Amino acid sequence: MFADVNGIDLLRRIVAARPSAGVLMLSERRDCEYAIRALAAGASGYLGKPTPAEALIEAVNIIARGRCYIGPDVGEPGAPQPEDEPVGTTSLSSREREILQLLAQGWALEEIGRRLGVSAKTVANRQSVIKAKLGADTALQLMVIARRLGLC
C-alpha cells in the first residue's frame, strides 16, 4: 500500500488525515536537515533509531502534552532539550516573524527571498538575527522554537 512512499510523504499523509495527532518520527537518519524536513511536514517529534525504550516513552509523554521533542542524538551538539521553556517572538519585527514562519514551513532561503522580493543573502542575514534574538544556535533549534510558537 505504501511501498512507493518515503517517510516524509507518509508523515504528510498521516498529519493530513489526523491533524490533531502528535506524530513522533523515528528514523535511521540523525542529520539536522532531515529532522527539519520532518518537523516542517508536521512531526511533533523526531528520534534517531535505535532508541532506548525510556527515551521513546519520554518523547511520547512530552508530545502528548503538546510539546515538541527532538532526540538528543539528532543534529548538532547542543540541540534543544524538551524541557526548554518556549521563547516568545516579541523581540522580532513583523518581517523577521514572517521569515521565521517561512523557514519553519520548510522554505529554502532562495525561495523566501523570491517570495519577499529580497536576496537570499538578506534572508540569511535576517535568519542570523532571528537566531540571536531567540537564543538559537542551529537551524534545528530555530525550527523547534518556531514549532513551539505554532508557526509551522
N, C-alpha and C. Protein backbone atom coordinates (compact mmCIF):
# COMPACT_ATOMS: atom_id res chain seq x y z
N MET A 1 0.81 -1.20 0.00
CA MET A 1 0.00 0.00 0.00
C MET A 1 0.86 1.26 0.00
N PHE A 2 1.94 1.28 0.80
CA PHE A 2 2.80 2.45 0.89
C PHE A 2 4.20 2.16 0.39
N ALA A 3 4.37 1.18 -0.48
CA ALA A 3 5.69 0.75 -0.92
C ALA A 3 6.46 1.87 -1.62
N ASP A 4 5.78 2.74 -2.32
CA ASP A 4 6.45 3.80 -3.07
C ASP A 4 6.47 5.13 -2.35
N VAL A 5 6.17 5.14 -1.06
CA VAL A 5 6.07 6.39 -0.29
C VAL A 5 7.25 6.47 0.68
N ASN A 6 7.94 7.60 0.68
CA ASN A 6 9.04 7.77 1.64
C ASN A 6 8.47 8.25 2.98
N GLY A 7 9.32 8.29 3.99
CA GLY A 7 8.89 8.64 5.34
C GLY A 7 8.25 10.01 5.46
N ILE A 8 8.82 11.00 4.80
CA ILE A 8 8.28 12.36 4.87
C ILE A 8 6.90 12.42 4.20
N ASP A 9 6.77 11.79 3.05
CA ASP A 9 5.46 11.79 2.37
C ASP A 9 4.40 11.07 3.19
N LEU A 10 4.78 9.96 3.79
CA LEU A 10 3.85 9.23 4.65
C LEU A 10 3.46 10.08 5.86
N LEU A 11 4.42 10.76 6.43
CA LEU A 11 4.15 11.67 7.54
C LEU A 11 3.13 12.73 7.14
N ARG A 12 3.30 13.32 5.98
CA ARG A 12 2.35 14.33 5.49
C ARG A 12 0.95 13.75 5.37
N ARG A 13 0.85 12.52 4.89
CA ARG A 13 -0.47 11.87 4.75
C ARG A 13 -1.11 11.65 6.12
N ILE A 14 -0.31 11.21 7.07
CA ILE A 14 -0.84 10.97 8.42
C ILE A 14 -1.33 12.27 9.03
N VAL A 15 -0.53 13.31 8.93
CA VAL A 15 -0.89 14.61 9.51
C VAL A 15 -2.12 15.19 8.81
N ALA A 16 -2.22 15.01 7.49
CA ALA A 16 -3.40 15.49 6.77
C ALA A 16 -4.66 14.76 7.21
N ALA A 17 -4.53 13.46 7.47
CA ALA A 17 -5.68 12.67 7.88
C ALA A 17 -6.07 12.91 9.34
N ARG A 18 -5.09 13.18 10.19
CA ARG A 18 -5.32 13.38 11.62
C ARG A 18 -4.52 14.58 12.09
N PRO A 19 -4.92 15.81 11.75
CA PRO A 19 -4.14 17.00 12.08
C PRO A 19 -3.86 17.19 13.57
N SER A 20 -4.74 16.72 14.41
CA SER A 20 -4.54 16.93 15.84
C SER A 20 -3.66 15.87 16.49
N ALA A 21 -3.32 14.83 15.74
CA ALA A 21 -2.48 13.77 16.29
C ALA A 21 -1.04 14.23 16.39
N GLY A 22 -0.40 13.95 17.49
CA GLY A 22 1.03 14.21 17.61
C GLY A 22 1.79 13.04 17.03
N VAL A 23 2.62 13.30 16.05
CA VAL A 23 3.34 12.23 15.36
C VAL A 23 4.82 12.29 15.74
N LEU A 24 5.32 11.18 16.24
CA LEU A 24 6.74 11.04 16.58
C LEU A 24 7.40 10.25 15.46
N MET A 25 8.36 10.86 14.80
CA MET A 25 9.05 10.19 13.70
C MET A 25 10.32 9.54 14.23
N LEU A 26 10.49 8.28 13.91
CA LEU A 26 11.70 7.53 14.21
C LEU A 26 12.42 7.27 12.90
N SER A 27 13.71 7.55 12.87
CA SER A 27 14.44 7.39 11.62
C SER A 27 15.88 6.98 11.87
N GLU A 28 16.44 6.25 10.93
CA GLU A 28 17.87 5.92 10.97
C GLU A 28 18.69 7.19 10.76
N ARG A 29 18.09 8.15 10.07
CA ARG A 29 18.80 9.40 9.78
C ARG A 29 18.78 10.30 11.00
N ARG A 30 19.94 10.82 11.35
CA ARG A 30 20.05 11.70 12.52
C ARG A 30 20.54 13.08 12.14
N ASP A 31 20.56 13.35 10.83
CA ASP A 31 21.06 14.65 10.40
C ASP A 31 20.01 15.74 10.61
N CYS A 32 20.50 16.92 10.84
CA CYS A 32 19.67 18.08 11.14
C CYS A 32 18.68 18.38 10.01
N GLU A 33 19.13 18.32 8.78
CA GLU A 33 18.27 18.69 7.65
C GLU A 33 17.05 17.77 7.55
N TYR A 34 17.24 16.49 7.75
CA TYR A 34 16.11 15.56 7.66
C TYR A 34 15.13 15.79 8.82
N ALA A 35 15.67 16.05 10.00
CA ALA A 35 14.80 16.34 11.15
C ALA A 35 13.98 17.60 10.88
N ILE A 36 14.59 18.61 10.30
CA ILE A 36 13.88 19.85 9.96
C ILE A 36 12.77 19.55 8.96
N ARG A 37 13.08 18.74 7.94
CA ARG A 37 12.05 18.37 6.96
C ARG A 37 10.88 17.65 7.63
N ALA A 38 11.19 16.78 8.58
CA ALA A 38 10.13 16.04 9.28
C ALA A 38 9.26 16.99 10.10
N LEU A 39 9.88 17.92 10.81
CA LEU A 39 9.12 18.89 11.60
C LEU A 39 8.28 19.79 10.70
N ALA A 40 8.86 20.21 9.59
CA ALA A 40 8.12 21.05 8.64
C ALA A 40 6.94 20.29 8.04
N ALA A 41 7.07 18.97 7.91
CA ALA A 41 5.99 18.16 7.35
C ALA A 41 4.91 17.84 8.38
N GLY A 42 5.16 18.21 9.64
CA GLY A 42 4.12 18.04 10.65
C GLY A 42 4.46 17.15 11.83
N ALA A 43 5.66 16.60 11.86
CA ALA A 43 6.03 15.77 13.01
C ALA A 43 6.07 16.62 14.28
N SER A 44 5.64 16.02 15.37
CA SER A 44 5.72 16.69 16.67
C SER A 44 7.01 16.35 17.38
N GLY A 45 7.69 15.33 16.89
CA GLY A 45 8.93 14.92 17.49
C GLY A 45 9.75 14.09 16.53
N TYR A 46 11.03 13.95 16.86
CA TYR A 46 11.94 13.24 15.99
C TYR A 46 13.00 12.53 16.83
N LEU A 47 13.15 11.24 16.61
CA LEU A 47 14.15 10.43 17.31
C LEU A 47 14.94 9.61 16.31
N GLY A 48 16.22 9.43 16.60
CA GLY A 48 17.04 8.53 15.81
C GLY A 48 16.85 7.11 16.29
N LYS A 49 17.07 6.16 15.36
CA LYS A 49 16.99 4.74 15.72
C LYS A 49 18.39 4.19 15.82
N PRO A 50 18.64 3.24 16.67
CA PRO A 50 17.73 2.72 17.69
C PRO A 50 17.62 3.69 18.86
N THR A 51 16.50 3.61 19.54
CA THR A 51 16.25 4.47 20.69
C THR A 51 15.88 3.60 21.89
N PRO A 52 16.49 3.86 23.04
CA PRO A 52 16.11 3.09 24.23
C PRO A 52 14.63 3.32 24.57
N ALA A 53 14.01 2.32 25.15
CA ALA A 53 12.59 2.38 25.50
C ALA A 53 12.28 3.59 26.38
N GLU A 54 13.16 3.92 27.32
CA GLU A 54 12.92 5.05 28.23
C GLU A 54 12.82 6.37 27.45
N ALA A 55 13.70 6.54 26.46
CA ALA A 55 13.68 7.77 25.66
C ALA A 55 12.42 7.84 24.81
N LEU A 56 11.99 6.71 24.28
CA LEU A 56 10.78 6.67 23.49
C LEU A 56 9.56 7.03 24.34
N ILE A 57 9.49 6.49 25.54
CA ILE A 57 8.38 6.80 26.45
C ILE A 57 8.40 8.28 26.82
N GLU A 58 9.58 8.82 27.10
CA GLU A 58 9.70 10.25 27.41
C GLU A 58 9.20 11.11 26.25
N ALA A 59 9.61 10.77 25.03
CA ALA A 59 9.19 11.53 23.85
C ALA A 59 7.68 11.48 23.68
N VAL A 60 7.09 10.32 23.81
CA VAL A 60 5.64 10.18 23.66
C VAL A 60 4.92 11.01 24.72
N ASN A 61 5.38 10.97 25.96
CA ASN A 61 4.75 11.75 27.03
C ASN A 61 4.85 13.25 26.77
N ILE A 62 5.98 13.71 26.29
CA ILE A 62 6.16 15.14 26.01
C ILE A 62 5.25 15.57 24.86
N ILE A 63 5.18 14.77 23.81
CA ILE A 63 4.32 15.09 22.67
C ILE A 63 2.85 15.05 23.08
N ALA A 64 2.48 14.13 23.94
CA ALA A 64 1.10 14.04 24.42
C ALA A 64 0.70 15.30 25.19
N ARG A 65 1.68 16.01 25.77
CA ARG A 65 1.41 17.27 26.47
C ARG A 65 1.44 18.47 25.52
N GLY A 66 1.55 18.19 24.22
CA GLY A 66 1.51 19.27 23.24
C GLY A 66 2.84 19.95 22.99
N ARG A 67 3.91 19.35 23.44
CA ARG A 67 5.24 19.93 23.25
C ARG A 67 5.96 19.22 22.11
N CYS A 68 7.01 19.81 21.64
CA CYS A 68 7.84 19.25 20.59
C CYS A 68 9.02 18.52 21.22
N TYR A 69 9.43 17.41 20.62
CA TYR A 69 10.57 16.65 21.16
C TYR A 69 11.55 16.35 20.04
N ILE A 70 12.82 16.67 20.29
CA ILE A 70 13.90 16.31 19.38
C ILE A 70 14.88 15.49 20.19
N GLY A 71 15.19 14.30 19.73
CA GLY A 71 16.12 13.43 20.45
C GLY A 71 17.49 14.07 20.56
N PRO A 72 18.17 13.84 21.66
CA PRO A 72 19.49 14.44 21.88
C PRO A 72 20.54 13.94 20.90
N ASP A 73 20.26 12.83 20.22
CA ASP A 73 21.23 12.29 19.28
C ASP A 73 21.03 12.83 17.86
N VAL A 74 20.10 13.75 17.69
CA VAL A 74 19.78 14.29 16.37
C VAL A 74 20.43 15.65 16.18
N GLY A 75 21.04 15.85 15.02
CA GLY A 75 21.59 17.15 14.66
C GLY A 75 22.86 17.51 15.38
N GLU A 76 23.12 18.80 15.43
CA GLU A 76 24.35 19.30 16.01
C GLU A 76 24.36 19.18 17.53
N PRO A 77 25.55 19.23 18.13
CA PRO A 77 25.62 19.26 19.59
C PRO A 77 24.86 20.48 20.13
N GLY A 78 24.27 20.32 21.28
CA GLY A 78 23.55 21.43 21.88
C GLY A 78 22.12 21.56 21.39
N ALA A 79 21.60 20.53 20.72
CA ALA A 79 20.22 20.58 20.26
C ALA A 79 19.32 20.82 21.47
N PRO A 80 18.22 21.56 21.29
CA PRO A 80 17.38 21.90 22.43
C PRO A 80 16.79 20.68 23.08
N GLN A 81 16.69 20.70 24.36
CA GLN A 81 16.09 19.62 25.10
C GLN A 81 14.61 19.92 25.30
N PRO A 82 13.79 18.90 25.46
CA PRO A 82 12.35 19.11 25.54
C PRO A 82 11.92 19.94 26.74
N GLU A 83 12.74 20.03 27.77
CA GLU A 83 12.36 20.80 28.95
C GLU A 83 12.57 22.31 28.76
N ASP A 84 13.24 22.71 27.67
CA ASP A 84 13.47 24.14 27.44
C ASP A 84 12.14 24.88 27.42
N GLU A 85 12.11 26.05 28.04
CA GLU A 85 10.89 26.85 28.03
C GLU A 85 10.69 27.49 26.66
N PRO A 86 9.45 27.57 26.19
CA PRO A 86 9.21 28.24 24.93
C PRO A 86 9.66 29.70 24.98
N VAL A 87 10.13 30.17 23.85
CA VAL A 87 10.62 31.54 23.75
C VAL A 87 9.58 32.34 22.98
N GLY A 88 9.34 33.58 23.37
CA GLY A 88 8.38 34.43 22.67
C GLY A 88 9.02 35.13 21.50
N THR A 89 8.20 35.68 20.64
CA THR A 89 8.72 36.38 19.46
C THR A 89 8.51 37.88 19.57
N THR A 90 8.30 38.38 20.77
CA THR A 90 8.01 39.81 20.92
C THR A 90 9.17 40.67 20.45
N SER A 91 10.40 40.15 20.49
CA SER A 91 11.54 40.94 20.06
C SER A 91 11.73 40.92 18.55
N LEU A 92 10.93 40.13 17.84
CA LEU A 92 11.06 40.04 16.39
C LEU A 92 10.21 41.11 15.70
N SER A 93 10.76 41.65 14.62
CA SER A 93 9.96 42.55 13.79
C SER A 93 8.96 41.71 13.01
N SER A 94 7.98 42.36 12.39
CA SER A 94 6.99 41.60 11.63
C SER A 94 7.65 40.86 10.46
N ARG A 95 8.66 41.44 9.84
CA ARG A 95 9.38 40.80 8.74
C ARG A 95 10.16 39.58 9.24
N GLU A 96 10.79 39.73 10.41
CA GLU A 96 11.54 38.60 10.99
C GLU A 96 10.59 37.46 11.34
N ARG A 97 9.45 37.79 11.88
CA ARG A 97 8.46 36.76 12.21
C ARG A 97 7.98 36.06 10.93
N GLU A 98 7.78 36.83 9.87
CA GLU A 98 7.37 36.25 8.59
C GLU A 98 8.45 35.30 8.05
N ILE A 99 9.70 35.72 8.14
CA ILE A 99 10.81 34.88 7.68
C ILE A 99 10.89 33.61 8.54
N LEU A 100 10.76 33.75 9.85
CA LEU A 100 10.78 32.59 10.74
C LEU A 100 9.67 31.61 10.37
N GLN A 101 8.50 32.12 10.10
CA GLN A 101 7.39 31.24 9.73
C GLN A 101 7.68 30.51 8.43
N LEU A 102 8.22 31.20 7.44
CA LEU A 102 8.54 30.55 6.17
C LEU A 102 9.66 29.51 6.34
N LEU A 103 10.64 29.82 7.17
CA LEU A 103 11.70 28.85 7.47
C LEU A 103 11.09 27.62 8.14
N ALA A 104 10.19 27.85 9.07
CA ALA A 104 9.56 26.75 9.81
C ALA A 104 8.71 25.88 8.89
N GLN A 105 8.20 26.46 7.83
CA GLN A 105 7.39 25.71 6.88
C GLN A 105 8.25 24.95 5.88
N GLY A 106 9.58 25.10 6.01
CA GLY A 106 10.49 24.34 5.16
C GLY A 106 10.94 25.03 3.89
N TRP A 107 10.69 26.31 3.75
CA TRP A 107 11.10 27.05 2.57
C TRP A 107 12.62 27.25 2.59
N ALA A 108 13.26 27.17 1.44
CA ALA A 108 14.68 27.45 1.30
C ALA A 108 14.90 28.96 1.29
N LEU A 109 16.11 29.38 1.64
CA LEU A 109 16.43 30.81 1.68
C LEU A 109 16.15 31.49 0.34
N GLU A 110 16.49 30.82 -0.77
CA GLU A 110 16.27 31.39 -2.10
C GLU A 110 14.79 31.58 -2.38
N GLU A 111 13.97 30.60 -1.97
CA GLU A 111 12.53 30.68 -2.17
C GLU A 111 11.93 31.82 -1.34
N ILE A 112 12.38 31.95 -0.12
CA ILE A 112 11.89 33.03 0.74
C ILE A 112 12.25 34.38 0.14
N GLY A 113 13.50 34.49 -0.32
CA GLY A 113 13.94 35.74 -0.94
C GLY A 113 13.08 36.12 -2.14
N ARG A 114 12.82 35.14 -3.01
CA ARG A 114 11.97 35.42 -4.18
C ARG A 114 10.58 35.85 -3.74
N ARG A 115 10.04 35.16 -2.76
CA ARG A 115 8.68 35.48 -2.29
C ARG A 115 8.60 36.88 -1.69
N LEU A 116 9.66 37.27 -0.96
CA LEU A 116 9.65 38.56 -0.29
C LEU A 116 10.30 39.69 -1.09
N GLY A 117 10.85 39.34 -2.25
CA GLY A 117 11.46 40.36 -3.10
C GLY A 117 12.81 40.85 -2.59
N VAL A 118 13.55 39.97 -1.92
CA VAL A 118 14.89 40.31 -1.44
C VAL A 118 15.84 39.18 -1.83
N SER A 119 17.12 39.39 -1.62
CA SER A 119 18.09 38.36 -1.97
C SER A 119 18.14 37.27 -0.90
N ALA A 120 18.64 36.11 -1.30
CA ALA A 120 18.82 35.01 -0.35
C ALA A 120 19.81 35.42 0.74
N LYS A 121 20.79 36.24 0.39
CA LYS A 121 21.77 36.73 1.37
C LYS A 121 21.08 37.58 2.43
N THR A 122 20.13 38.41 2.04
CA THR A 122 19.38 39.21 3.00
C THR A 122 18.59 38.30 3.94
N VAL A 123 17.97 37.26 3.38
CA VAL A 123 17.21 36.32 4.21
C VAL A 123 18.15 35.62 5.18
N ALA A 124 19.33 35.22 4.70
CA ALA A 124 20.32 34.55 5.57
C ALA A 124 20.76 35.48 6.70
N ASN A 125 20.96 36.74 6.40
CA ASN A 125 21.33 37.72 7.44
C ASN A 125 20.21 37.86 8.47
N ARG A 126 18.97 37.94 7.99
CA ARG A 126 17.83 38.06 8.92
C ARG A 126 17.70 36.79 9.76
N GLN A 127 17.98 35.64 9.15
CA GLN A 127 17.93 34.37 9.90
C GLN A 127 18.94 34.41 11.05
N SER A 128 20.12 34.95 10.80
CA SER A 128 21.13 35.07 11.86
C SER A 128 20.65 35.97 12.99
N VAL A 129 20.00 37.07 12.63
CA VAL A 129 19.46 37.99 13.63
C VAL A 129 18.36 37.30 14.44
N ILE A 130 17.49 36.57 13.75
CA ILE A 130 16.40 35.85 14.42
C ILE A 130 16.97 34.83 15.40
N LYS A 131 17.98 34.08 14.97
CA LYS A 131 18.62 33.11 15.86
C LYS A 131 19.15 33.80 17.11
N ALA A 132 19.82 34.92 16.92
CA ALA A 132 20.38 35.64 18.06
C ALA A 132 19.29 36.12 19.00
N LYS A 133 18.22 36.67 18.45
CA LYS A 133 17.13 37.18 19.28
C LYS A 133 16.42 36.07 20.06
N LEU A 134 16.32 34.87 19.46
CA LEU A 134 15.59 33.77 20.09
C LEU A 134 16.52 32.82 20.84
N GLY A 135 17.81 33.08 20.80
CA GLY A 135 18.75 32.24 21.52
C GLY A 135 18.98 30.89 20.89
N ALA A 136 18.84 30.81 19.58
CA ALA A 136 19.06 29.55 18.85
C ALA A 136 20.45 29.56 18.23
N ASP A 137 21.15 28.45 18.35
CA ASP A 137 22.47 28.33 17.75
C ASP A 137 22.44 27.62 16.41
N THR A 138 21.42 26.82 16.18
CA THR A 138 21.35 26.00 14.97
C THR A 138 20.00 26.15 14.29
N ALA A 139 19.95 25.69 13.04
CA ALA A 139 18.69 25.70 12.31
C ALA A 139 17.67 24.79 12.97
N LEU A 140 18.14 23.69 13.54
CA LEU A 140 17.24 22.77 14.23
C LEU A 140 16.62 23.42 15.46
N GLN A 141 17.41 24.13 16.23
CA GLN A 141 16.88 24.83 17.40
C GLN A 141 15.85 25.87 16.96
N LEU A 142 16.14 26.58 15.88
CA LEU A 142 15.21 27.58 15.37
C LEU A 142 13.89 26.92 14.96
N MET A 143 13.96 25.75 14.33
CA MET A 143 12.76 25.03 13.92
C MET A 143 11.95 24.61 15.14
N VAL A 144 12.60 24.14 16.18
CA VAL A 144 11.90 23.71 17.40
C VAL A 144 11.20 24.91 18.03
N ILE A 145 11.86 26.04 18.11
CA ILE A 145 11.26 27.24 18.68
C ILE A 145 10.05 27.66 17.86
N ALA A 146 10.20 27.68 16.54
CA ALA A 146 9.08 28.07 15.67
C ALA A 146 7.91 27.11 15.83
N ARG A 147 8.21 25.83 15.97
CA ARG A 147 7.17 24.83 16.15
C ARG A 147 6.42 25.05 17.46
N ARG A 148 7.18 25.35 18.53
CA ARG A 148 6.56 25.60 19.83
C ARG A 148 5.66 26.84 19.79
N LEU A 149 6.02 27.78 18.92
CA LEU A 149 5.24 29.00 18.80
C LEU A 149 4.06 28.85 17.86
N GLY A 150 3.92 27.68 17.28
CA GLY A 150 2.80 27.42 16.38
C GLY A 150 2.97 28.04 15.01
N LEU A 151 4.20 28.26 14.57
CA LEU A 151 4.44 28.91 13.30
C LEU A 151 4.55 27.94 12.13
N CYS A 152 4.49 26.65 12.39
CA CYS A 152 4.55 25.68 11.30
C CYS A 152 3.54 24.58 11.51
